Protein backbone atom coordinates (compact mmCIF):
# COMPACT_ATOMS: atom_id res chain seq x y z
CA MET A 1 -258.18 -39.19 -145.55
CA ALA A 2 -260.33 -38.70 -142.70
CA CYS A 3 -261.55 -35.27 -143.79
CA ALA A 4 -262.27 -36.52 -147.11
CA ARG A 5 -263.96 -39.52 -145.32
CA ARG A 6 -266.48 -36.81 -143.89
CA SER A 7 -267.17 -34.95 -146.68
CA SER A 8 -269.76 -35.32 -149.30
CA LEU A 9 -267.47 -36.65 -151.55
CA VAL A 10 -267.59 -39.97 -150.05
CA THR A 11 -271.03 -40.80 -151.41
CA GLU A 12 -269.89 -40.69 -155.05
CA TYR A 13 -266.23 -41.64 -155.00
CA TRP A 14 -265.83 -43.52 -151.74
CA GLU A 15 -263.66 -47.00 -152.88
CA PRO A 16 -262.72 -49.68 -150.63
CA GLU A 17 -259.48 -48.60 -151.13
CA TRP A 18 -259.86 -45.73 -148.84
CA ASP A 19 -260.57 -47.50 -145.70
CA GLU A 20 -257.61 -49.78 -146.32
CA ALA A 21 -255.50 -46.74 -146.51
CA ILE A 22 -256.88 -45.47 -143.21
CA HIS A 23 -256.38 -48.62 -141.60
CA LEU A 24 -252.61 -48.78 -143.11
CA ALA A 25 -252.38 -45.17 -141.89
CA ALA A 26 -253.59 -45.36 -138.35
CA GLU A 27 -251.37 -48.76 -138.18
CA SER A 28 -248.40 -46.30 -139.37
CA ILE A 29 -249.37 -43.78 -136.59
CA TRP A 30 -249.70 -46.59 -134.16
CA ARG A 31 -246.09 -47.79 -134.64
CA GLU A 32 -244.16 -44.54 -135.41
CA GLY A 33 -246.04 -42.31 -133.37
CA LEU A 34 -243.74 -41.80 -130.58
CA LEU A 35 -241.54 -39.32 -131.74
CA SER A 36 -238.43 -37.86 -129.89
CA LYS A 37 -239.57 -34.22 -130.20
CA GLY A 38 -242.00 -34.61 -127.75
CA GLY A 39 -246.10 -33.84 -127.18
CA SER A 40 -246.72 -31.66 -129.39
CA LEU A 41 -249.20 -30.99 -132.64
CA CYS A 42 -247.02 -30.19 -135.45
CA HIS A 43 -244.23 -33.37 -135.58
CA GLY A 44 -245.45 -34.83 -131.82
CA ILE A 45 -247.32 -37.11 -130.38
CA ALA A 46 -250.68 -34.96 -129.72
CA GLY A 47 -250.53 -34.52 -133.38
CA ASN A 48 -250.56 -38.21 -134.20
CA ALA A 49 -253.76 -38.48 -131.79
CA LEU A 50 -255.78 -35.69 -133.69
CA PRO A 51 -256.52 -37.86 -137.10
CA LEU A 52 -257.34 -40.82 -134.87
CA LEU A 53 -260.10 -38.55 -133.32
CA LEU A 54 -261.15 -37.51 -136.81
CA MET A 55 -261.71 -41.34 -137.66
CA HIS A 56 -263.65 -42.17 -134.63
CA ASP A 57 -266.04 -39.59 -135.39
CA SER A 58 -266.46 -40.76 -138.84
CA PHE A 59 -266.62 -44.28 -138.04
CA GLU A 60 -268.72 -43.76 -135.11
CA TYR A 61 -271.23 -40.88 -136.51
CA ASP A 62 -271.30 -41.28 -140.25
CA VAL A 63 -272.79 -44.81 -140.87
CA GLU A 64 -275.90 -44.04 -142.60
CA LEU A 65 -273.23 -41.47 -145.13
CA MET A 66 -271.28 -44.65 -145.46
CA GLN A 67 -273.99 -46.69 -146.54
CA THR A 68 -274.90 -44.95 -149.24
CA ALA A 69 -271.24 -44.49 -149.93
CA LYS A 70 -270.92 -48.31 -150.06
CA ARG A 71 -274.20 -48.50 -152.01
CA ASN A 72 -273.28 -46.19 -154.52
CA TYR A 73 -270.11 -47.81 -155.27
CA THR A 74 -271.77 -51.33 -155.64
CA LYS A 75 -274.03 -49.84 -158.28
CA ARG A 76 -270.90 -48.88 -159.98
CA THR A 77 -269.22 -51.50 -160.14
CA GLU A 78 -271.81 -54.06 -159.98
CA PRO A 79 -269.85 -56.88 -161.55
CA ILE A 80 -267.13 -56.91 -159.23
CA GLU A 81 -267.58 -58.70 -155.57
CA THR A 82 -266.28 -56.31 -153.23
CA LYS A 83 -265.15 -57.34 -150.01
CA PHE A 84 -265.22 -54.30 -147.01
CA LEU A 85 -262.47 -54.02 -144.14
CA GLU A 86 -265.17 -52.73 -141.70
CA ASP A 87 -264.31 -55.50 -139.57
CA ASN A 88 -260.79 -54.36 -138.48
CA LEU A 89 -262.11 -50.86 -138.00
CA SER A 90 -264.40 -49.14 -135.47
CA SER A 91 -264.58 -45.79 -133.68
CA ASP A 92 -263.57 -47.97 -130.47
CA TYR A 93 -259.97 -48.82 -132.10
CA PHE A 94 -259.44 -45.19 -132.80
CA LEU A 95 -260.65 -43.59 -129.66
CA SER A 96 -258.40 -45.74 -127.72
CA ARG A 97 -255.50 -45.36 -129.82
CA ALA A 98 -256.04 -41.74 -129.69
CA LEU A 99 -256.21 -41.63 -125.75
CA THR A 100 -253.32 -43.97 -125.53
CA LEU A 101 -251.27 -41.20 -127.47
CA LEU A 102 -252.68 -38.11 -125.51
CA LEU A 103 -251.84 -40.11 -122.06
CA HIS A 104 -248.05 -40.75 -123.09
CA ALA A 105 -247.90 -36.94 -124.43
CA ARG A 106 -248.11 -36.02 -120.49
CA GLU A 107 -244.92 -37.43 -120.18
CA THR A 108 -243.26 -35.33 -122.65
CA PRO A 109 -241.60 -31.84 -121.79
CA PRO A 110 -242.46 -29.22 -120.63
CA TYR A 111 -245.22 -31.33 -118.97
CA SER A 112 -242.58 -33.19 -117.51
CA ASN A 113 -239.13 -32.59 -116.44
CA SER A 114 -238.08 -35.87 -115.28
CA PRO A 115 -234.39 -36.59 -115.35
CA GLU A 116 -234.60 -39.82 -117.60
CA ASN A 117 -237.02 -38.37 -120.15
CA ILE A 118 -236.12 -39.14 -123.27
CA TYR A 119 -237.71 -36.48 -125.40
CA ARG A 120 -236.33 -33.52 -125.66
CA MET A 121 -238.23 -29.92 -125.05
CA PRO A 122 -239.97 -27.93 -127.65
CA ASP A 123 -238.07 -24.67 -128.96
CA ARG A 124 -242.02 -23.01 -128.42
CA PRO A 125 -242.68 -24.95 -125.52
CA PHE A 126 -245.97 -23.27 -125.12
CA SER A 127 -247.39 -22.68 -128.46
CA LEU A 128 -249.71 -23.91 -130.76
CA HIS A 129 -247.88 -26.20 -133.05
CA GLU A 130 -245.05 -27.13 -131.11
CA GLY A 131 -246.22 -26.92 -127.58
CA LEU A 132 -248.52 -27.22 -124.55
CA SER A 133 -251.23 -25.37 -126.33
CA GLY A 134 -251.62 -27.61 -129.02
CA THR A 135 -251.55 -30.58 -126.94
CA VAL A 136 -254.53 -29.07 -125.08
CA CYS A 137 -256.77 -28.61 -128.18
CA ALA A 138 -256.20 -32.16 -128.77
CA TRP A 139 -257.56 -32.84 -125.01
CA ALA A 140 -260.27 -30.73 -125.52
CA ASP A 141 -261.11 -32.60 -128.94
CA ALA A 142 -260.64 -36.01 -126.63
CA CYS A 143 -263.03 -34.85 -124.30
CA VAL A 144 -265.63 -33.96 -126.57
CA ALA A 145 -265.56 -37.33 -128.29
CA ILE A 146 -265.95 -38.86 -125.06
CA GLN A 147 -269.12 -37.09 -123.89
CA ALA A 148 -270.54 -37.49 -127.34
CA ARG A 149 -270.40 -40.84 -127.03
CA LEU A 150 -271.81 -41.07 -123.75
CA ARG A 151 -274.47 -38.57 -124.80
CA LYS A 152 -275.13 -41.51 -127.71
CA MET A 153 -275.01 -43.85 -125.35
CA GLU A 154 -277.73 -42.17 -123.10
CA LEU A 155 -280.23 -41.75 -126.22
CA GLU A 156 -279.43 -45.41 -127.03
CA GLN A 157 -280.57 -46.24 -123.56
CA GLU A 158 -283.56 -43.99 -123.66
CA GLY A 159 -284.53 -45.38 -126.87
CA ASP A 160 -283.76 -49.34 -126.04
CA GLY A 161 -281.73 -49.52 -129.39
CA PRO A 162 -279.11 -48.23 -132.22
CA VAL A 163 -279.29 -44.46 -132.56
CA VAL A 164 -279.89 -43.27 -135.92
CA GLU A 165 -277.69 -40.14 -137.02
CA ALA A 166 -281.10 -38.32 -137.88
CA THR A 167 -281.97 -38.47 -134.03
CA LEU A 168 -278.40 -37.26 -133.09
CA ARG A 169 -278.44 -34.42 -135.57
CA ARG A 170 -281.80 -33.33 -133.64
CA ASP A 171 -280.48 -33.81 -130.23
CA PRO A 172 -279.66 -29.96 -128.64
CA THR A 173 -276.95 -31.70 -126.18
CA PHE A 174 -275.45 -33.92 -129.02
CA LYS A 175 -275.34 -31.14 -131.89
CA GLU A 176 -273.64 -28.56 -128.66
CA LEU A 177 -270.84 -31.23 -127.98
CA MET A 178 -270.14 -31.54 -131.75
CA ASN A 179 -269.90 -27.89 -131.95
CA ARG A 180 -267.11 -27.62 -129.25
CA GLN A 181 -265.02 -29.55 -131.54
CA LEU A 182 -261.83 -27.85 -132.65
CA GLY A 183 -260.44 -30.04 -135.11
CA PHE A 184 -256.81 -30.09 -136.62
CA PRO A 185 -255.90 -26.45 -136.40
CA THR A 186 -255.45 -25.30 -139.94
CA ILE A 187 -257.24 -28.01 -141.80
CA ALA A 188 -260.88 -26.47 -142.07
CA HIS A 189 -263.29 -29.63 -141.11
CA HIS A 190 -265.18 -28.32 -138.40
CA ARG A 191 -268.89 -27.50 -139.01
CA PRO A 192 -270.53 -25.59 -136.57
CA THR A 193 -274.02 -26.86 -137.33
CA GLY A 194 -273.82 -29.73 -134.99
CA LEU A 195 -273.37 -33.26 -136.68
CA PRO A 196 -271.11 -33.77 -139.89
């Protein structure tokens, strides 16, 4: 859903049920995201943080895209009164939960070998999908998300107000930060041209 919400499909096919499904999925990740398998991407805690980071970017930087999608939806369904779920979802909601999961992933083997550890050691503790390498990739994307947010805040302070997506697309520092995103391994959502 995160990748679909960030694609050009959203302008013509978005429906309020998309955000409802995103909200339910995010709640499920939060409720059930601490897996005994550990901190890995494949079936661990860091893998649960990455979709939340993708959603952070969508809710933080795709505002104009979503306004267009909602206008198009309203045109397609004029006689139906629609209530959007926006109040419950924000980029802060997704980023705070992703960072919390990543912080907790540090308590799993091989990063922590505490005797009272409830998590098992991964079969391949340093691999991309089961081990440390994947968790480092998730942390790298979290660092980019924080740096990009800080850059957006700087631009807002310089301009005395909200920054539109076009301004972000033109800002070389912001573009460079967005180009540093690794994305979820094996899911091709990253676009090296900057802002999605």
